[in-house]
């Protein structure tokens, strides 16, 4: 079993299509790559942390007053999302991407 896993890993390491796919999803080591990671992963969590009560109240108001049932459900979900607070998963993914960019070759 261990040899089979080593064989699969060896094929993955030398697979040009896999290398191309990984390179295409890796953020580039540029100012825009780092800014993109920060804007996508950290800024929404910072906004949620700072304005959580206002956002939750806004979503709650809309979940009560919205005339369409589907939109009431969406606002209720949004309220729940804001009430849960900061997403540590998003922050963790952002940290991993920043580390990946920092460790990658220019």
PDB file of N, CA and C in Angstrom:
ATOM      1  N   UNK A   1       0.818  -1.184   0.000  1.00  0.00           N
ATOM      2  CA  UNK A   1       0.000   0.000   0.000  1.00  0.00           C
ATOM      3  C   UNK A   1       0.870   1.259   0.000  1.00  0.00           C
ATOM      4  N   UNK A   2       1.915   1.243   0.827  1.00  0.00           N
ATOM      5  CA  UNK A   2       2.805   2.395   0.920  1.00  0.00           C
ATOM      6  C   UNK A   2       3.524   2.636  -0.406  1.00  0.00           C
ATOM      7  N   UNK A   3       3.913   1.570  -1.068  1.00  0.00           N
ATOM      8  CA  UNK A   3       4.592   1.696  -2.366  1.00  0.00           C
ATOM      9  C   UNK A   3       3.644   2.255  -3.413  1.00  0.00           C
ATOM     10  N   UNK A   4       2.391   1.850  -3.353  1.00  0.00           N
ATOM     11  CA  UNK A   4       1.401   2.340  -4.306  1.00  0.00           C
ATOM     12  C   UNK A   4       1.203   3.852  -4.127  1.00  0.00           C
ATOM     13  N   UNK A   5       1.125   4.310  -2.872  1.00  0.00           N
ATOM     14  CA  UNK A   5       0.988   5.736  -2.599  1.00  0.00           C
ATOM     15  C   UNK A   5       2.224   6.515  -3.064  1.00  0.00           C
ATOM     16  N   UNK A   6       3.402   5.935  -2.868  1.00  0.00           N
ATOM     17  CA  UNK A   6       4.635   6.583  -3.322  1.00  0.00           C
ATOM     18  C   UNK A   6       4.663   6.695  -4.843  1.00  0.00           C
ATOM     19  N   UNK A   7       4.164   5.681  -5.513  1.00  0.00           N
ATOM     20  CA  UNK A   7       4.104   5.689  -6.976  1.00  0.00           C
ATOM     21  C   UNK A   7       3.155   6.785  -7.473  1.00  0.00           C
ATOM     22  N   UNK A   8       2.008   6.902  -6.812  1.00  0.00           N
ATOM     23  CA  UNK A   8       1.044   7.937  -7.184  1.00  0.00           C
ATOM     24  C   UNK A   8       1.641   9.313  -6.928  1.00  0.00           C
ATOM     25  N   UNK A   9       2.314   9.480  -5.797  1.00  0.00           N
ATOM     26  CA  UNK A   9       2.940  10.765  -5.481  1.00  0.00           C
ATOM     27  C   UNK A   9       4.023  11.101  -6.503  1.00  0.00           C
ATOM     28  N   UNK A  10       4.787  10.128  -6.902  1.00  0.00           N
ATOM     29  CA  UNK A  10       5.846  10.341  -7.899  1.00  0.00           C
ATOM     30  C   UNK A  10       5.253  10.796  -9.233  1.00  0.00           C
ATOM     31  N   UNK A  11       4.144  10.161  -9.631  1.00  0.00           N
ATOM     32  CA  UNK A  11       3.483  10.578 -10.872  1.00  0.00           C
ATOM     33  C   UNK A  11       2.950  11.997 -10.765  1.00  0.00           C
ATOM     34  N   UNK A  12       2.407  12.349  -9.604  1.00  0.00           N
ATOM     35  CA  UNK A  12       1.861  13.699  -9.411  1.00  0.00           C
ATOM     36  C   UNK A  12       2.960  14.753  -9.461  1.00  0.00           C
ATOM     37  N   UNK A  13       4.107  14.445  -8.887  1.00  0.00           N
ATOM     38  CA  UNK A  13       5.217  15.404  -8.859  1.00  0.00           C
ATOM     39  C   UNK A  13       5.705  15.707 -10.271  1.00  0.00           C
ATOM     40  N   UNK A  14       5.690  14.732 -11.140  1.00  0.00           N
ATOM     41  CA  UNK A  14       6.224  14.913 -12.490  1.00  0.00           C
ATOM     42  C   UNK A  14       5.150  15.134 -13.555  1.00  0.00           C
ATOM     43  N   UNK A  15       3.913  15.325 -13.147  1.00  0.00           N
ATOM     44  CA  UNK A  15       2.826  15.533 -14.104  1.00  0.00           C
ATOM     45  C   UNK A  15       2.783  17.003 -14.534  1.00  0.00           C
ATOM     46  N   UNK A  16       3.051  17.301 -15.818  1.00  0.00           N
ATOM     47  CA  UNK A  16       3.064  18.700 -16.255  1.00  0.00           C
ATOM     48  C   UNK A  16       1.684  19.365 -16.207  1.00  0.00           C
ATOM     49  N   UNK A  17       0.636  18.586 -16.432  1.00  0.00           N
ATOM     50  CA  UNK A  17      -0.720  19.163 -16.376  1.00  0.00           C
ATOM     51  C   UNK A  17      -1.064  19.594 -14.953  1.00  0.00           C
ATOM     52  N   UNK A  18      -0.675  18.797 -13.967  1.00  0.00           N
ATOM     53  CA  UNK A  18      -0.935  19.151 -12.573  1.00  0.00           C
ATOM     54  C   UNK A  18      -0.129  20.387 -12.180  1.00  0.00           C
ATOM     55  N   UNK A  19       1.129  20.451 -12.606  1.00  0.00           N
ATOM     56  CA  UNK A  19       1.950  21.634 -12.316  1.00  0.00           C
ATOM     57  C   UNK A  19       1.332  22.885 -12.924  1.00  0.00           C
ATOM     58  N   UNK A  20       0.823  22.761 -14.148  1.00  0.00           N
ATOM     59  CA  UNK A  20       0.192  23.904 -14.814  1.00  0.00           C
ATOM     60  C   UNK A  20      -1.069  24.327 -14.068  1.00  0.00           C
ATOM     61  N   UNK A  21      -1.850  23.364 -13.604  1.00  0.00           N
ATOM     62  CA  UNK A  21      -3.075  23.685 -12.869  1.00  0.00           C
ATOM     63  C   UNK A  21      -2.756  24.379 -11.549  1.00  0.00           C
ATOM     64  N   UNK A  22      -1.753  23.891 -10.846  1.00  0.00           N
ATOM     65  CA  UNK A  22      -1.364  24.511  -9.572  1.00  0.00           C
ATOM     66  C   UNK A  22      -0.838  25.921  -9.808  1.00  0.00           C
ATOM     67  N   UNK A  23      -0.039  26.103 -10.851  1.00  0.00           N
ATOM     68  CA  UNK A  23       0.483  27.434 -11.164  1.00  0.00           C
ATOM     69  C   UNK A  23      -0.627  28.403 -11.548  1.00  0.00           C
ATOM     70  N   UNK A  24      -1.682  27.892 -12.168  1.00  0.00           N
ATOM     71  CA  UNK A  24      -2.764  28.788 -12.588  1.00  0.00           C
ATOM     72  C   UNK A  24      -3.603  29.262 -11.401  1.00  0.00           C
ATOM     73  N   UNK A  25      -3.688  28.490 -10.316  1.00  0.00           N
ATOM     74  CA  UNK A  25      -4.474  28.934  -9.164  1.00  0.00           C
ATOM     75  C   UNK A  25      -3.635  29.669  -8.130  1.00  0.00           C
ATOM     76  N   UNK A  26      -2.338  29.573  -8.210  1.00  0.00           N
ATOM     77  CA  UNK A  26      -1.479  30.241  -7.236  1.00  0.00           C
ATOM     78  C   UNK A  26      -1.496  31.744  -7.472  1.00  0.00           C
ATOM     79  N   UNK A  27      -1.767  32.524  -6.417  1.00  0.00           N
ATOM     80  CA  UNK A  27      -1.681  33.974  -6.573  1.00  0.00           C
ATOM     81  C   UNK A  27      -0.239  34.374  -6.888  1.00  0.00           C
ATOM     82  N   UNK A  28      -0.095  35.346  -7.741  1.00  0.00           N
ATOM     83  CA  UNK A  28       1.245  35.774  -8.145  1.00  0.00           C
ATOM     84  C   UNK A  28       1.900  36.585  -7.027  1.00  0.00           C
ATOM     85  N   UNK A  29       3.213  36.543  -6.981  1.00  0.00           N
ATOM     86  CA  UNK A  29       3.965  37.258  -5.947  1.00  0.00           C
ATOM     87  C   UNK A  29       4.193  38.701  -6.407  1.00  0.00           C
ATOM     88  N   UNK A  30       3.102  39.418  -6.474  1.00  0.00           N
ATOM     89  CA  UNK A  30       3.135  40.820  -6.848  1.00  0.00           C
ATOM     90  C   UNK A  30       2.312  41.588  -5.823  1.00  0.00           C
ATOM     91  N   UNK A  31       2.360  42.897  -5.931  1.00  0.00           N
ATOM     92  CA  UNK A  31       1.551  43.729  -5.051  1.00  0.00           C
ATOM     93  C   UNK A  31       0.071  43.397  -5.230  1.00  0.00           C
ATOM     94  N   UNK A  32      -0.366  43.213  -6.472  1.00  0.00           N
ATOM     95  CA  UNK A  32      -1.779  42.940  -6.741  1.00  0.00           C
ATOM     96  C   UNK A  32      -2.197  41.564  -6.245  1.00  0.00           C
ATOM     97  N   UNK A  33      -1.300  40.605  -6.273  1.00  0.00           N
ATOM     98  CA  UNK A  33      -1.620  39.286  -5.743  1.00  0.00           C
ATOM     99  C   UNK A  33      -1.875  39.329  -4.244  1.00  0.00           C
ATOM    100  N   UNK A  34      -1.009  40.030  -3.520  1.00  0.00           N
ATOM    101  CA  UNK A  34      -1.167  40.146  -2.068  1.00  0.00           C
ATOM    102  C   UNK A  34      -2.390  40.987  -1.732  1.00  0.00           C
ATOM    103  N   UNK A  35      -2.587  42.107  -2.447  1.00  0.00           N
ATOM    104  CA  UNK A  35      -3.754  42.960  -2.200  1.00  0.00           C
ATOM    105  C   UNK A  35      -5.037  42.189  -2.482  1.00  0.00           C
ATOM    106  N   UNK A  36      -5.052  41.381  -3.532  1.00  0.00           N
ATOM    107  CA  UNK A  36      -6.229  40.580  -3.849  1.00  0.00           C
ATOM    108  C   UNK A  36      -6.578  39.609  -2.735  1.00  0.00           C
ATOM    109  N   UNK A  37      -5.574  38.955  -2.177  1.00  0.00           N
ATOM    110  CA  UNK A  37      -5.809  38.025  -1.066  1.00  0.00           C
ATOM    111  C   UNK A  37      -6.361  38.778   0.137  1.00  0.00           C
ATOM    112  N   UNK A  38      -5.765  39.916   0.437  1.00  0.00           N
ATOM    113  CA  UNK A  38      -6.218  40.704   1.590  1.00  0.00           C
ATOM    114  C   UNK A  38      -7.646  41.183   1.386  1.00  0.00           C
ATOM    115  N   UNK A  39      -7.945  41.699   0.195  1.00  0.00           N
ATOM    116  CA  UNK A  39      -9.301  42.201  -0.068  1.00  0.00           C
ATOM    117  C   UNK A  39     -10.341  41.087  -0.065  1.00  0.00           C
ATOM    118  N   UNK A  40      -9.990  39.924  -0.545  1.00  0.00           N
ATOM    119  CA  UNK A  40     -10.960  38.836  -0.665  1.00  0.00           C
ATOM    120  C   UNK A  40     -11.177  38.086   0.643  1.00  0.00           C
ATOM    121  N   UNK A  41     -10.113  37.885   1.423  1.00  0.00           N
ATOM    122  CA  UNK A  41     -10.233  37.047   2.611  1.00  0.00           C
ATOM    123  C   UNK A  41     -10.291  37.819   3.927  1.00  0.00           C
ATOM    124  N   UNK A  42      -9.583  38.937   4.039  1.00  0.00           N
ATOM    125  CA  UNK A  42      -9.476  39.602   5.329  1.00  0.00           C
ATOM    126  C   UNK A  42     -10.413  40.795   5.496  1.00  0.00           C
ATOM    127  N   UNK A  43     -10.604  41.599   4.467  1.00  0.00           N
ATOM    128  CA  UNK A  43     -11.437  42.803   4.592  1.00  0.00           C
ATOM    129  C   UNK A  43     -12.890  42.469   4.933  1.00  0.00           C
ATOM    130  N   UNK A  44     -13.532  41.484   4.287  1.00  0.00           N
ATOM    131  CA  UNK A  44     -14.916  41.166   4.693  1.00  0.00           C
ATOM    132  C   UNK A  44     -15.027  40.731   6.158  1.00  0.00           C
ATOM    133  N   UNK A  45     -14.038  40.019   6.648  1.00  0.00           N
ATOM    134  CA  UNK A  45     -14.061  39.594   8.051  1.00  0.00           C
ATOM    135  C   UNK A  45     -13.847  40.784   8.980  1.00  0.00           C
ATOM    136  N   UNK A  46     -13.011  41.725   8.576  1.00  0.00           N
ATOM    137  CA  UNK A  46     -12.804  42.934   9.362  1.00  0.00           C
ATOM    138  C   UNK A  46     -14.088  43.765   9.413  1.00  0.00           C
ATOM    139  N   UNK A  47     -14.768  43.884   8.287  1.00  0.00           N
ATOM    140  CA  UNK A  47     -16.046  44.614   8.237  1.00  0.00           C
ATOM    141  C   UNK A  47     -17.074  43.937   9.129  1.00  0.00           C
ATOM    142  N   UNK A  48     -17.136  42.621   9.076  1.00  0.00           N
ATOM    143  CA  UNK A  48     -18.069  41.884   9.936  1.00  0.00           C
ATOM    144  C   UNK A  48     -17.726  42.096  11.405  1.00  0.00           C
ATOM    145  N   UNK A  49     -16.450  42.087  11.733  1.00  0.00           N
ATOM    146  CA  UNK A  49     -16.025  42.271  13.122  1.00  0.00           C
ATOM    147  C   UNK A  49     -16.395  43.663  13.635  1.00  0.00           C
ATOM    148  N   UNK A  50     -16.184  44.687  12.814  1.00  0.00           N
ATOM    149  CA  UNK A  50     -16.425  46.064  13.246  1.00  0.00           C
ATOM    150  C   UNK A  50     -17.917  46.383  13.293  1.00  0.00           C
ATOM    151  N   UNK A  51     -18.663  46.020  12.262  1.00  0.00           N
ATOM    152  CA  UNK A  51     -20.058  46.426  12.138  1.00  0.00           C
ATOM    153  C   UNK A  51     -21.046  45.273  12.314  1.00  0.00           C
ATOM    154  N   UNK A  52     -20.683  44.262  13.061  1.00  0.00           N
ATOM    155  CA  UNK A  52     -21.548  43.092  13.230  1.00  0.00           C
ATOM    156  C   UNK A  52     -22.945  43.447  13.764  1.00  0.00           C
ATOM    157  N   UNK A  53     -23.083  44.255  14.819  1.00  0.00           N
ATOM    158  CA  UNK A  53     -24.445  44.551  15.307  1.00  0.00           C
ATOM    159  C   UNK A  53     -25.310  45.268  14.264  1.00  0.00           C
ATOM    160  N   UNK A  54     -24.729  46.226  13.562  1.00  0.00           N
ATOM    161  CA  UNK A  54     -25.485  46.960  12.545  1.00  0.00           C
ATOM    162  C   UNK A  54     -25.889  46.050  11.390  1.00  0.00           C
ATOM    163  N   UNK A  55     -24.970  45.203  10.955  1.00  0.00           N
ATOM    164  CA  UNK A  55     -25.270  44.289   9.846  1.00  0.00           C
ATOM    165  C   UNK A  55     -26.347  43.282  10.238  1.00  0.00           C
ATOM    166  N   UNK A  56     -26.257  42.769  11.448  1.00  0.00           N
ATOM    167  CA  UNK A  56     -27.258  41.809  11.917  1.00  0.00           C
ATOM    168  C   UNK A  56     -28.632  42.469  12.021  1.00  0.00           C
ATOM    169  N   UNK A  57     -28.679  43.684  12.550  1.00  0.00           N
ATOM    170  CA  UNK A  57     -29.952  44.400  12.673  1.00  0.00           C
ATOM    171  C   UNK A  57     -30.539  44.712  11.301  1.00  0.00           C
ATOM    172  N   UNK A  58     -29.686  45.115  10.363  1.00  0.00           N
ATOM    173  CA  UNK A  58     -30.138  45.416   9.004  1.00  0.00           C
ATOM    174  C   UNK A  58     -30.744  44.169   8.352  1.00  0.00           C
ATOM    175  N   UNK A  59     -30.051  43.040   8.459  1.00  0.00           N
ATOM    176  CA  UNK A  59     -30.547  41.794   7.862  1.00  0.00           C
ATOM    177  C   UNK A  59     -31.836  41.344   8.551  1.00  0.00           C
ATOM    178  N   UNK A  60     -31.925  41.512   9.862  1.00  0.00           N
ATOM    179  CA  UNK A  60     -33.135  41.119  10.591  1.00  0.00           C
ATOM    180  C   UNK A  60     -34.331  41.960  10.143  1.00  0.00           C
ATOM    181  N   UNK A  61     -34.117  43.260  10.018  1.00  0.00           N
ATOM    182  CA  UNK A  61     -35.195  44.147   9.566  1.00  0.00           C
ATOM    183  C   UNK A  61     -35.711  43.727   8.197  1.00  0.00           C
ATOM    184  N   UNK A  62     -34.796  43.431   7.293  1.00  0.00           N
ATOM    185  CA  UNK A  62     -35.205  43.015   5.945  1.00  0.00           C
ATOM    186  C   UNK A  62     -35.848  41.629   5.944  1.00  0.00           C
ATOM    187  N   UNK A  63     -35.413  40.761   6.843  1.00  0.00           N
ATOM    188  CA  UNK A  63     -36.017  39.424   6.884  1.00  0.00           C
ATOM    189  C   UNK A  63     -37.462  39.473   7.384  1.00  0.00           C
ATOM    190  N   UNK A  64     -37.816  40.520   8.081  1.00  0.00           N
ATOM    191  CA  UNK A  64     -39.192  40.675   8.570  1.00  0.00           C
ATOM    192  C   UNK A  64     -40.062  41.433   7.564  1.00  0.00           C
ATOM    193  N   UNK A  65     -39.494  42.471   6.936  1.00  0.00           N
ATOM    194  CA  UNK A  65     -40.302  43.376   6.109  1.00  0.00           C
ATOM    195  C   UNK A  65     -40.338  43.017   4.631  1.00  0.00           C
ATOM    196  N   UNK A  66     -39.513  42.104   4.196  1.00  0.00           N
ATOM    197  CA  UNK A  66     -39.451  41.762   2.767  1.00  0.00           C
ATOM    198  C   UNK A  66     -40.739  41.065   2.338  1.00  0.00           C
ATOM    199  N   UNK A  67     -41.359  41.515   1.241  1.00  0.00           N
ATOM    200  CA  UNK A  67     -42.636  40.911   0.816  1.00  0.00           C
ATOM    201  C   UNK A  67     -42.496  39.505   0.215  1.00  0.00           C
ATOM    202  N   UNK A  68     -41.377  39.190  -0.400  1.00  0.00           N
ATOM    203  CA  UNK A  68     -41.220  37.875  -1.038  1.00  0.00           C
ATOM    204  C   UNK A  68     -40.608  36.874  -0.063  1.00  0.00           C
ATOM    205  N   UNK A  69     -41.198  35.695  -0.004  1.00  0.00           N
ATOM    206  CA  UNK A  69     -40.754  34.668   0.946  1.00  0.00           C
ATOM    207  C   UNK A  69     -39.310  34.243   0.697  1.00  0.00           C
ATOM    208  N   UNK A  70     -38.932  34.113  -0.572  1.00  0.00           N
ATOM    209  CA  UNK A  70     -37.568  33.684  -0.884  1.00  0.00           C
ATOM    210  C   UNK A  70     -36.554  34.718  -0.390  1.00  0.00           C
ATOM    211  N   UNK A  71     -36.846  35.982  -0.569  1.00  0.00           N
ATOM    212  CA  UNK A  71     -35.917  37.011  -0.106  1.00  0.00           C
ATOM    213  C   UNK A  71     -35.897  37.087   1.416  1.00  0.00           C
ATOM    214  N   UNK A  72     -37.028  36.831   2.071  1.00  0.00           N
ATOM    215  CA  UNK A  72     -37.038  36.774   3.537  1.00  0.00           C
ATOM    216  C   UNK A  72     -36.114  35.668   4.022  1.00  0.00           C
ATOM    217  N   UNK A  73     -36.155  34.525   3.342  1.00  0.00           N
ATOM    218  CA  UNK A  73     -35.262  33.418   3.710  1.00  0.00           C
ATOM    219  C   UNK A  73     -33.801  33.810   3.516  1.00  0.00           C
ATOM    220  N   UNK A  74     -33.515  34.491   2.420  1.00  0.00           N
ATOM    221  CA  UNK A  74     -32.133  34.907   2.156  1.00  0.00           C
ATOM    222  C   UNK A  74     -31.641  35.889   3.211  1.00  0.00           C
ATOM    223  N   UNK A  75     -32.489  36.847   3.585  1.00  0.00           N
ATOM    224  CA  UNK A  75     -32.093  37.791   4.628  1.00  0.00           C
ATOM    225  C   UNK A  75     -31.942  37.095   5.974  1.00  0.00           C
ATOM    226  N   UNK A  76     -32.773  36.099   6.251  1.00  0.00           N
ATOM    227  CA  UNK A  76     -32.642  35.335   7.497  1.00  0.00           C
ATOM    228  C   UNK A  76     -31.310  34.582   7.517  1.00  0.00           C
ATOM    229  N   UNK A  77     -30.911  34.012   6.387  1.00  0.00           N
ATOM    230  CA  UNK A  77     -29.621  33.338   6.300  1.00  0.00           C
ATOM    231  C   UNK A  77     -28.476  34.329   6.469  1.00  0.00           C
ATOM    232  N   UNK A  78     -28.636  35.499   5.856  1.00  0.00           N
ATOM    233  CA  UNK A  78     -27.623  36.545   5.985  1.00  0.00           C
ATOM    234  C   UNK A  78     -27.506  36.996   7.439  1.00  0.00           C
ATOM    235  N   UNK A  79     -28.638  37.125   8.113  1.00  0.00           N
ATOM    236  CA  UNK A  79     -28.624  37.486   9.532  1.00  0.00           C
ATOM    237  C   UNK A  79     -27.880  36.439  10.352  1.00  0.00           C
ATOM    238  N   UNK A  80     -28.147  35.172  10.066  1.00  0.00           N
ATOM    239  CA  UNK A  80     -27.465  34.091  10.786  1.00  0.00           C
ATOM    240  C   UNK A  80     -25.961  34.138  10.525  1.00  0.00           C
ATOM    241  N   UNK A  81     -25.591  34.403   9.273  1.00  0.00           N
ATOM    242  CA  UNK A  81     -24.173  34.468   8.922  1.00  0.00           C
ATOM    243  C   UNK A  81     -23.477  35.602   9.678  1.00  0.00           C
ATOM    244  N   UNK A  82     -24.121  36.774   9.734  1.00  0.00           N
ATOM    245  CA  UNK A  82     -23.519  37.897  10.448  1.00  0.00           C
ATOM    246  C   UNK A  82     -23.509  37.647  11.950  1.00  0.00           C
ATOM    247  N   UNK A  83     -24.545  36.991  12.478  1.00  0.00           N
ATOM    248  CA  UNK A  83     -24.614  36.719  13.913  1.00  0.00           C
ATOM    249  C   UNK A  83     -23.530  35.738  14.350  1.00  0.00           C
ATOM    250  N   UNK A  84     -23.130  34.841  13.447  1.00  0.00           N
ATOM    251  CA  UNK A  84     -22.075  33.876  13.772  1.00  0.00           C
ATOM    252  C   UNK A  84     -20.721  34.541  13.943  1.00  0.00           C
ATOM    253  N   UNK A  85     -20.570  35.753  13.413  1.00  0.00           N
ATOM    254  CA  UNK A  85     -19.323  36.497  13.598  1.00  0.00           C
ATOM    255  C   UNK A  85     -18.300  36.195  12.520  1.00  0.00           C
ATOM    256  N   UNK A  86     -17.068  36.392  12.885  1.00  0.00           N
ATOM    257  CA  UNK A  86     -15.944  36.270  11.954  1.00  0.00           C
ATOM    258  C   UNK A  86     -15.753  34.809  11.560  1.00  0.00           C
ATOM    259  N   UNK A  87     -15.468  34.591  10.284  1.00  0.00           N
ATOM    260  CA  UNK A  87     -15.212  33.243   9.790  1.00  0.00           C
ATOM    261  C   UNK A  87     -13.723  32.939   9.908  1.00  0.00           C
ATOM    262  N   UNK A  88     -13.403  32.101  10.863  1.00  0.00           N
ATOM    263  CA  UNK A  88     -11.993  31.739  11.048  1.00  0.00           C
ATOM    264  C   UNK A  88     -11.496  30.874   9.892  1.00  0.00           C
ATOM    265  N   UNK A  89     -12.401  30.218   9.203  1.00  0.00           N
ATOM    266  CA  UNK A  89     -12.019  29.440   8.026  1.00  0.00           C
ATOM    267  C   UNK A  89     -11.484  30.374   6.936  1.00  0.00           C
ATOM    268  N   UNK A  90     -12.208  31.474   6.667  1.00  0.00           N
ATOM    269  CA  UNK A  90     -11.736  32.431   5.662  1.00  0.00           C
ATOM    270  C   UNK A  90     -10.388  33.025   6.046  1.00  0.00           C
ATOM    271  N   UNK A  91     -10.242  33.380   7.306  1.00  0.00           N
ATOM    272  CA  UNK A  91      -8.972  33.948   7.761  1.00  0.00           C
ATOM    273  C   UNK A  91      -7.859  32.915   7.614  1.00  0.00           C
ATOM    274  N   UNK A  92      -8.149  31.671   7.957  1.00  0.00           N
ATOM    275  CA  UNK A  92      -7.141  30.611   7.810  1.00  0.00           C
ATOM    276  C   UNK A  92      -6.745  30.388   6.368  1.00  0.00           C
ATOM    277  N   UNK A  93      -7.729  30.382   5.470  1.00  0.00           N
ATOM    278  CA  UNK A  93      -7.428  30.215   4.045  1.00  0.00           C
ATOM    279  C   UNK A  93      -6.595  31.393   3.548  1.00  0.00           C
ATOM    280  N   UNK A  94      -6.938  32.599   3.991  1.00  0.00           N
ATOM    281  CA  UNK A  94      -6.165  33.783   3.606  1.00  0.00           C
ATOM    282  C   UNK A  94      -4.725  33.704   4.080  1.00  0.00           C
ATOM    283  N   UNK A  95      -4.529  33.242   5.310  1.00  0.00           N
ATOM    284  CA  UNK A  95      -3.166  33.090   5.841  1.00  0.00           C
ATOM    285  C   UNK A  95      -2.390  32.055   5.028  1.00  0.00           C
ATOM    286  N   UNK A  96      -3.052  30.957   4.694  1.00  0.00           N
ATOM    287  CA  UNK A  96      -2.387  29.919   3.894  1.00  0.00           C
ATOM    288  C   UNK A  96      -1.992  30.478   2.523  1.00  0.00           C
ATOM    289  N   UNK A  97      -2.892  31.235   1.876  1.00  0.00           N
ATOM    290  CA  UNK A  97      -2.559  31.823   0.582  1.00  0.00           C
ATOM    291  C   UNK A  97      -1.411  32.818   0.701  1.00  0.00           C
ATOM    292  N   UNK A  98      -1.424  33.654   1.734  1.00  0.00           N
ATOM    293  CA  UNK A  98      -0.320  34.604   1.917  1.00  0.00           C
ATOM    294  C   UNK A  98       1.008  33.870   2.136  1.00  0.00           C
ATOM    295  N   UNK A  99       0.967  32.801   2.927  1.00  0.00           N
ATOM    296  CA  UNK A  99       2.182  32.003   3.138  1.00  0.00           C
ATOM    297  C   UNK A  99       2.642  31.366   1.833  1.00  0.00           C
ATOM    298  N   UNK A 100       1.690  30.885   1.032  1.00  0.00           N
ATOM    299  CA  UNK A 100       2.001  30.259  -0.256  1.00  0.00           C
ATOM    300  C   UNK A 100       2.657  31.271  -1.188  1.00  0.00           C
ATOM    301  N   UNK A 101       2.124  32.494  -1.216  1.00  0.00           N
ATOM    302  CA  UNK A 101       2.709  33.544  -2.062  1.00  0.00           C
ATOM    303  C   UNK A 101       4.089  33.898  -1.554  1.00  0.00           C
ATOM    304  N   UNK A 102       4.246  34.022  -0.244  1.00  0.00           N
ATOM    305  CA  UNK A 102       5.527  34.403   0.330  1.00  0.00           C
ATOM    306  C   UNK A 102       6.585  33.342   0.058  1.00  0.00           C
ATOM    307  N   UNK A 103       6.216  32.051   0.110  1.00  0.00           N
ATOM    308  CA  UNK A 103       7.161  30.961  -0.103  1.00  0.00           C
ATOM    309  C   UNK A 103       7.414  30.654  -1.579  1.00  0.00           C
ATOM    310  N   UNK A 104       6.555  31.149  -2.457  1.00  0.00           N
ATOM    311  CA  UNK A 104       6.716  30.809  -3.872  1.00  0.00           C
ATOM    312  C   UNK A 104       7.863  31.616  -4.490  1.00  0.00           C
ATOM    313  N   UNK A 105       8.328  31.110  -5.594  1.00  0.00           N
ATOM    314  CA  UNK A 105       9.381  31.804  -6.332  1.00  0.00           C
ATOM    315  C   UNK A 105       8.761  32.973  -7.076  1.00  0.00           C
ATOM    316  N   UNK A 106       9.547  34.006  -7.254  1.00  0.00           N
ATOM    317  CA  UNK A 106       9.056  35.218  -7.929  1.00  0.00           C
ATOM    318  C   UNK A 106       8.707  34.963  -9.319  1.00  0.00           C
TER     319      UNK A 106
END
